[in-house]
Amino acid sequence: MVSVAKGIKRNMQKKGMMQKAVAERAGFTEQQLCDMLAGRKVIRAEYMPAISKALGVQISEIYDAGRDGDS
């Protein structure tokens, strides 16, 4: 199973990026991104291009990093 939130968090950690920076680059408020990562707001497919661009990764890298058992 893939957790998109987990993949976003892992990519943020790998790149040393803070939620605020990722949120601003993706066009969200910090609270909106926080809610998405905490499961309080759905991470819609249409958000993925902006989030991946903000992280500087391909969308597939987010999904790969969010797979169960991936370290």
C-alpha atoms as a PDB file:
ATOM      1  CA  MET A   1       0.000   0.000   0.000  1.00  0.00           C
ATOM      2  CA  VAL A   2       1.192   3.505  -0.805  1.00  0.00           C
ATOM      3  CA  SER A   3       0.865   6.416   1.617  1.00  0.00           C
ATOM      4  CA  VAL A   4       1.200   9.633  -0.348  1.00  0.00           C
ATOM      5  CA  ALA A   5       1.624  11.638   2.853  1.00  0.00           C
ATOM      6  CA  LYS A   6       4.459   9.341   3.930  1.00  0.00           C
ATOM      7  CA  GLY A   7       6.108   9.779   0.524  1.00  0.00           C
ATOM      8  CA  ILE A   8       5.868  13.558   0.755  1.00  0.00           C
ATOM      9  CA  LYS A   9       7.301  13.529   4.286  1.00  0.00           C
ATOM     10  CA  ARG A  10      10.186  11.240   3.288  1.00  0.00           C
ATOM     11  CA  ASN A  11      11.074  13.426   0.314  1.00  0.00           C
ATOM     12  CA  MET A  12      10.908  16.553   2.474  1.00  0.00           C
ATOM     13  CA  GLN A  13      13.199  14.934   5.030  1.00  0.00           C
ATOM     14  CA  LYS A  14      15.622  13.688   2.372  1.00  0.00           C
ATOM     15  CA  LYS A  15      15.926  17.201   0.927  1.00  0.00           C
ATOM     16  CA  GLY A  16      15.940  18.964   4.308  1.00  0.00           C
ATOM     17  CA  MET A  17      12.844  20.975   3.432  1.00  0.00           C
ATOM     18  CA  MET A  18      10.398  22.469   5.917  1.00  0.00           C
ATOM     19  CA  GLN A  19       6.611  22.195   5.530  1.00  0.00           C
ATOM     20  CA  LYS A  20       6.262  25.963   5.172  1.00  0.00           C
ATOM     21  CA  ALA A  21       8.634  26.106   2.191  1.00  0.00           C
ATOM     22  CA  VAL A  22       6.987  23.163   0.431  1.00  0.00           C
ATOM     23  CA  ALA A  23       3.511  24.575   1.078  1.00  0.00           C
ATOM     24  CA  GLU A  24       4.389  28.015  -0.272  1.00  0.00           C
ATOM     25  CA  ARG A  25       6.072  26.606  -3.384  1.00  0.00           C
ATOM     26  CA  ALA A  26       3.074  24.336  -4.038  1.00  0.00           C
ATOM     27  CA  GLY A  27       0.524  27.125  -3.555  1.00  0.00           C
ATOM     28  CA  PHE A  28      -0.903  25.972  -0.210  1.00  0.00           C
ATOM     29  CA  THR A  29      -0.869  27.480   3.239  1.00  0.00           C
ATOM     30  CA  GLU A  30       1.310  25.742   5.794  1.00  0.00           C
ATOM     31  CA  GLN A  31      -1.867  24.670   7.635  1.00  0.00           C
ATOM     32  CA  GLN A  32      -3.354  23.115   4.488  1.00  0.00           C
ATOM     33  CA  LEU A  33      -0.218  21.037   3.890  1.00  0.00           C
ATOM     34  CA  CYS A  34      -0.051  20.093   7.566  1.00  0.00           C
ATOM     35  CA  ASP A  35      -3.668  18.903   7.401  1.00  0.00           C
ATOM     36  CA  MET A  36      -2.904  16.839   4.293  1.00  0.00           C
ATOM     37  CA  LEU A  37       0.131  15.204   5.868  1.00  0.00           C
ATOM     38  CA  ALA A  38      -1.818  14.455   9.055  1.00  0.00           C
ATOM     39  CA  GLY A  39      -4.734  12.903   7.168  1.00  0.00           C
ATOM     40  CA  ARG A  40      -7.227  15.632   8.027  1.00  0.00           C
ATOM     41  CA  LYS A  41      -7.441  16.779   4.398  1.00  0.00           C
ATOM     42  CA  VAL A  42      -7.438  14.597   1.297  1.00  0.00           C
ATOM     43  CA  ILE A  43      -4.375  14.849  -0.933  1.00  0.00           C
ATOM     44  CA  ARG A  44      -6.117  15.071  -4.280  1.00  0.00           C
ATOM     45  CA  ALA A  45      -4.489  13.827  -7.473  1.00  0.00           C
ATOM     46  CA  GLU A  46      -4.683  17.331  -8.923  1.00  0.00           C
ATOM     47  CA  TYR A  47      -2.381  18.583  -6.128  1.00  0.00           C
ATOM     48  CA  MET A  48       0.422  16.172  -6.993  1.00  0.00           C
ATOM     49  CA  PRO A  49       2.073  18.120  -9.847  1.00  0.00           C
ATOM     50  CA  ALA A  50       2.431  21.223  -7.640  1.00  0.00           C
ATOM     51  CA  ILE A  51       3.679  19.211  -4.663  1.00  0.00           C
ATOM     52  CA  SER A  52       6.208  17.271  -6.726  1.00  0.00           C
ATOM     53  CA  LYS A  53       7.466  20.484  -8.351  1.00  0.00           C
ATOM     54  CA  ALA A  54       7.808  22.113  -4.918  1.00  0.00           C
ATOM     55  CA  LEU A  55       9.846  19.120  -3.745  1.00  0.00           C
ATOM     56  CA  GLY A  56      11.911  18.999  -6.932  1.00  0.00           C
ATOM     57  CA  VAL A  57      11.023  15.348  -7.595  1.00  0.00           C
ATOM     58  CA  GLN A  58       8.929  13.347 -10.029  1.00  0.00           C
ATOM     59  CA  ILE A  59       5.464  12.315  -8.845  1.00  0.00           C
ATOM     60  CA  SER A  60       6.577   8.678  -9.054  1.00  0.00           C
ATOM     61  CA  GLU A  61       9.302   9.395  -6.471  1.00  0.00           C
ATOM     62  CA  ILE A  62       6.633  10.464  -3.975  1.00  0.00           C
ATOM     63  CA  TYR A  63       4.713   7.246  -4.525  1.00  0.00           C
ATOM     64  CA  ASP A  64       7.888   5.140  -4.365  1.00  0.00           C
ATOM     65  CA  ALA A  65       8.927   6.743  -1.070  1.00  0.00           C
ATOM     66  CA  GLY A  66       5.468   6.122   0.377  1.00  0.00           C
ATOM     67  CA  ARG A  67       5.376   2.376  -0.200  1.00  0.00           C
ATOM     68  CA  ASP A  68       5.080   0.187   2.894  1.00  0.00           C
ATOM     69  CA  GLY A  69       8.386  -1.395   3.809  1.00  0.00           C
ATOM     70  CA  ASP A  70      10.436   1.233   1.954  1.00  0.00           C
ATOM     71  CA  SER A  71      13.216   2.705   4.033  1.00  0.00           C
END
